[in-house]
Amino acid sequence: MADTVKFLAQEATLTTASNCNSASVVRLVNTDNTTVSTITQKNGGATVATFTLGTRDSGYGNVYIMKAPAHTLEASGGTVKAVSVGFY
């Protein structure tokens, strides 16, 4: 991916399932020093994929993911923020 990021919406805490403004690229950041499991789901609720987002200080607490615009993201723990982005 390119080095320049354009933020396309307001950052929000990911506490319930969200399609992140129908984004296809999303920046996720864990704001706490706990491990958070993030789940990607289809709108119908069927799980597409799951992965563990690292802690804030681990070096793995900030990731960019690609997803289908209709897919939703949901995070456990209440410490993950999400924002739709574009790369240039």
C-alpha atoms as a PDB file:
ATOM      1  CA  MET A   1       0.000   0.000   0.000  1.00  0.00           C
ATOM      2  CA  ALA A   2       1.055   3.586  -0.513  1.00  0.00           C
ATOM      3  CA  ASP A   3       2.528   5.734   2.245  1.00  0.00           C
ATOM      4  CA  THR A   4      -0.009   8.568   2.100  1.00  0.00           C
ATOM      5  CA  VAL A   5      -3.321   8.017   3.889  1.00  0.00           C
ATOM      6  CA  LYS A   6      -6.524  10.016   3.392  1.00  0.00           C
ATOM      7  CA  PHE A   7      -9.034   9.736   6.228  1.00  0.00           C
ATOM      8  CA  LEU A   8     -12.563   9.508   4.814  1.00  0.00           C
ATOM      9  CA  ALA A   9     -14.720   9.724   7.949  1.00  0.00           C
ATOM     10  CA  GLN A  10     -14.721  10.373  11.676  1.00  0.00           C
ATOM     11  CA  GLU A  11     -12.890   7.828  13.818  1.00  0.00           C
ATOM     12  CA  ALA A  12     -15.240   5.864  16.082  1.00  0.00           C
ATOM     13  CA  THR A  13     -14.896   3.283  18.838  1.00  0.00           C
ATOM     14  CA  LEU A  14     -15.821  -0.121  17.449  1.00  0.00           C
ATOM     15  CA  THR A  15     -18.245  -1.397  20.102  1.00  0.00           C
ATOM     16  CA  THR A  16     -20.964  -2.827  17.842  1.00  0.00           C
ATOM     17  CA  ALA A  17     -20.946  -4.257  14.319  1.00  0.00           C
ATOM     18  CA  SER A  18     -20.226  -1.511  11.789  1.00  0.00           C
ATOM     19  CA  ASN A  19     -19.450  -1.380   8.080  1.00  0.00           C
ATOM     20  CA  CYS A  20     -17.336   1.743   8.802  1.00  0.00           C
ATOM     21  CA  ASN A  21     -19.188   3.959   6.321  1.00  0.00           C
ATOM     22  CA  SER A  22     -19.188   1.141   3.733  1.00  0.00           C
ATOM     23  CA  ALA A  23     -15.401   1.355   3.617  1.00  0.00           C
ATOM     24  CA  SER A  24     -13.213  -1.052   1.694  1.00  0.00           C
ATOM     25  CA  VAL A  25     -10.052  -0.054   3.619  1.00  0.00           C
ATOM     26  CA  VAL A  26     -10.177   0.557   7.377  1.00  0.00           C
ATOM     27  CA  ARG A  27      -7.548   1.643   9.897  1.00  0.00           C
ATOM     28  CA  LEU A  28      -7.919  -0.125  13.260  1.00  0.00           C
ATOM     29  CA  VAL A  29      -6.029   0.926  16.381  1.00  0.00           C
ATOM     30  CA  ASN A  30      -6.117  -0.592  19.850  1.00  0.00           C
ATOM     31  CA  THR A  31      -5.986   2.329  22.296  1.00  0.00           C
ATOM     32  CA  ASP A  32      -5.385   0.173  25.370  1.00  0.00           C
ATOM     33  CA  ASN A  33      -2.653  -2.217  26.412  1.00  0.00           C
ATOM     34  CA  THR A  34      -4.925  -5.310  26.262  1.00  0.00           C
ATOM     35  CA  THR A  35      -5.382  -7.906  23.523  1.00  0.00           C
ATOM     36  CA  VAL A  36      -8.545  -7.468  21.463  1.00  0.00           C
ATOM     37  CA  SER A  37     -10.091 -10.031  19.095  1.00  0.00           C
ATOM     38  CA  THR A  38     -11.630  -8.349  16.045  1.00  0.00           C
ATOM     39  CA  ILE A  39     -14.228 -10.170  13.930  1.00  0.00           C
ATOM     40  CA  THR A  40     -15.093  -9.423  10.296  1.00  0.00           C
ATOM     41  CA  GLN A  41     -18.671 -10.405   9.453  1.00  0.00           C
ATOM     42  CA  LYS A  42     -21.027 -10.282   6.484  1.00  0.00           C
ATOM     43  CA  ASN A  43     -24.136  -8.153   6.949  1.00  0.00           C
ATOM     44  CA  GLY A  44     -26.139 -11.319   7.463  1.00  0.00           C
ATOM     45  CA  GLY A  45     -24.059 -12.155  10.506  1.00  0.00           C
ATOM     46  CA  ALA A  46     -22.039 -15.017   9.010  1.00  0.00           C
ATOM     47  CA  THR A  47     -18.387 -14.835  10.082  1.00  0.00           C
ATOM     48  CA  VAL A  48     -15.959 -14.218   7.218  1.00  0.00           C
ATOM     49  CA  ALA A  49     -12.729 -14.026   9.243  1.00  0.00           C
ATOM     50  CA  THR A  50     -11.360 -13.399  12.722  1.00  0.00           C
ATOM     51  CA  PHE A  51      -8.005 -12.108  13.886  1.00  0.00           C
ATOM     52  CA  THR A  52      -6.376 -10.825  17.058  1.00  0.00           C
ATOM     53  CA  LEU A  53      -5.292  -7.195  17.145  1.00  0.00           C
ATOM     54  CA  GLY A  54      -2.197  -6.714  19.307  1.00  0.00           C
ATOM     55  CA  THR A  55      -1.872  -4.413  22.278  1.00  0.00           C
ATOM     56  CA  ARG A  56      -1.158  -0.712  21.922  1.00  0.00           C
ATOM     57  CA  ASP A  57       2.495  -1.094  22.925  1.00  0.00           C
ATOM     58  CA  SER A  58       3.188  -4.394  21.121  1.00  0.00           C
ATOM     59  CA  GLY A  59       3.852  -2.889  17.704  1.00  0.00           C
ATOM     60  CA  TYR A  60       0.811  -4.763  16.350  1.00  0.00           C
ATOM     61  CA  GLY A  61      -1.936  -2.539  17.748  1.00  0.00           C
ATOM     62  CA  ASN A  62      -2.384  -0.519  14.543  1.00  0.00           C
ATOM     63  CA  VAL A  63      -3.393  -2.195  11.257  1.00  0.00           C
ATOM     64  CA  TYR A  64      -5.012  -1.394   7.924  1.00  0.00           C
ATOM     65  CA  ILE A  65      -7.421  -4.000   6.586  1.00  0.00           C
ATOM     66  CA  MET A  66      -9.243  -4.457   3.293  1.00  0.00           C
ATOM     67  CA  LYS A  67     -12.837  -5.678   3.333  1.00  0.00           C
ATOM     68  CA  ALA A  68     -15.954  -5.720   1.181  1.00  0.00           C
ATOM     69  CA  PRO A  69     -17.968  -2.510   1.697  1.00  0.00           C
ATOM     70  CA  ALA A  70     -20.999  -4.439   3.012  1.00  0.00           C
ATOM     71  CA  HIS A  71     -18.963  -6.457   5.535  1.00  0.00           C
ATOM     72  CA  THR A  72     -19.112  -5.350   9.145  1.00  0.00           C
ATOM     73  CA  LEU A  73     -16.367  -5.220  11.766  1.00  0.00           C
ATOM     74  CA  GLU A  74     -16.878  -5.861  15.456  1.00  0.00           C
ATOM     75  CA  ALA A  75     -14.280  -5.750  18.253  1.00  0.00           C
ATOM     76  CA  SER A  76     -14.319  -7.175  21.747  1.00  0.00           C
ATOM     77  CA  GLY A  77     -13.084  -5.100  24.664  1.00  0.00           C
ATOM     78  CA  GLY A  78     -14.300  -1.641  23.622  1.00  0.00           C
ATOM     79  CA  THR A  79     -10.779  -0.271  23.054  1.00  0.00           C
ATOM     80  CA  VAL A  80     -10.558  -0.448  19.250  1.00  0.00           C
ATOM     81  CA  LYS A  81     -11.075   2.650  17.114  1.00  0.00           C
ATOM     82  CA  ALA A  82     -11.860   2.423  13.400  1.00  0.00           C
ATOM     83  CA  VAL A  83     -11.858   4.889  10.514  1.00  0.00           C
ATOM     84  CA  SER A  84     -12.327   4.451   6.764  1.00  0.00           C
ATOM     85  CA  VAL A  85      -9.268   5.463   4.753  1.00  0.00           C
ATOM     86  CA  GLY A  86      -7.918   5.676   1.243  1.00  0.00           C
ATOM     87  CA  PHE A  87      -4.303   5.348   0.072  1.00  0.00           C
ATOM     88  CA  TYR A  88      -2.450   7.461  -2.489  1.00  0.00           C
END
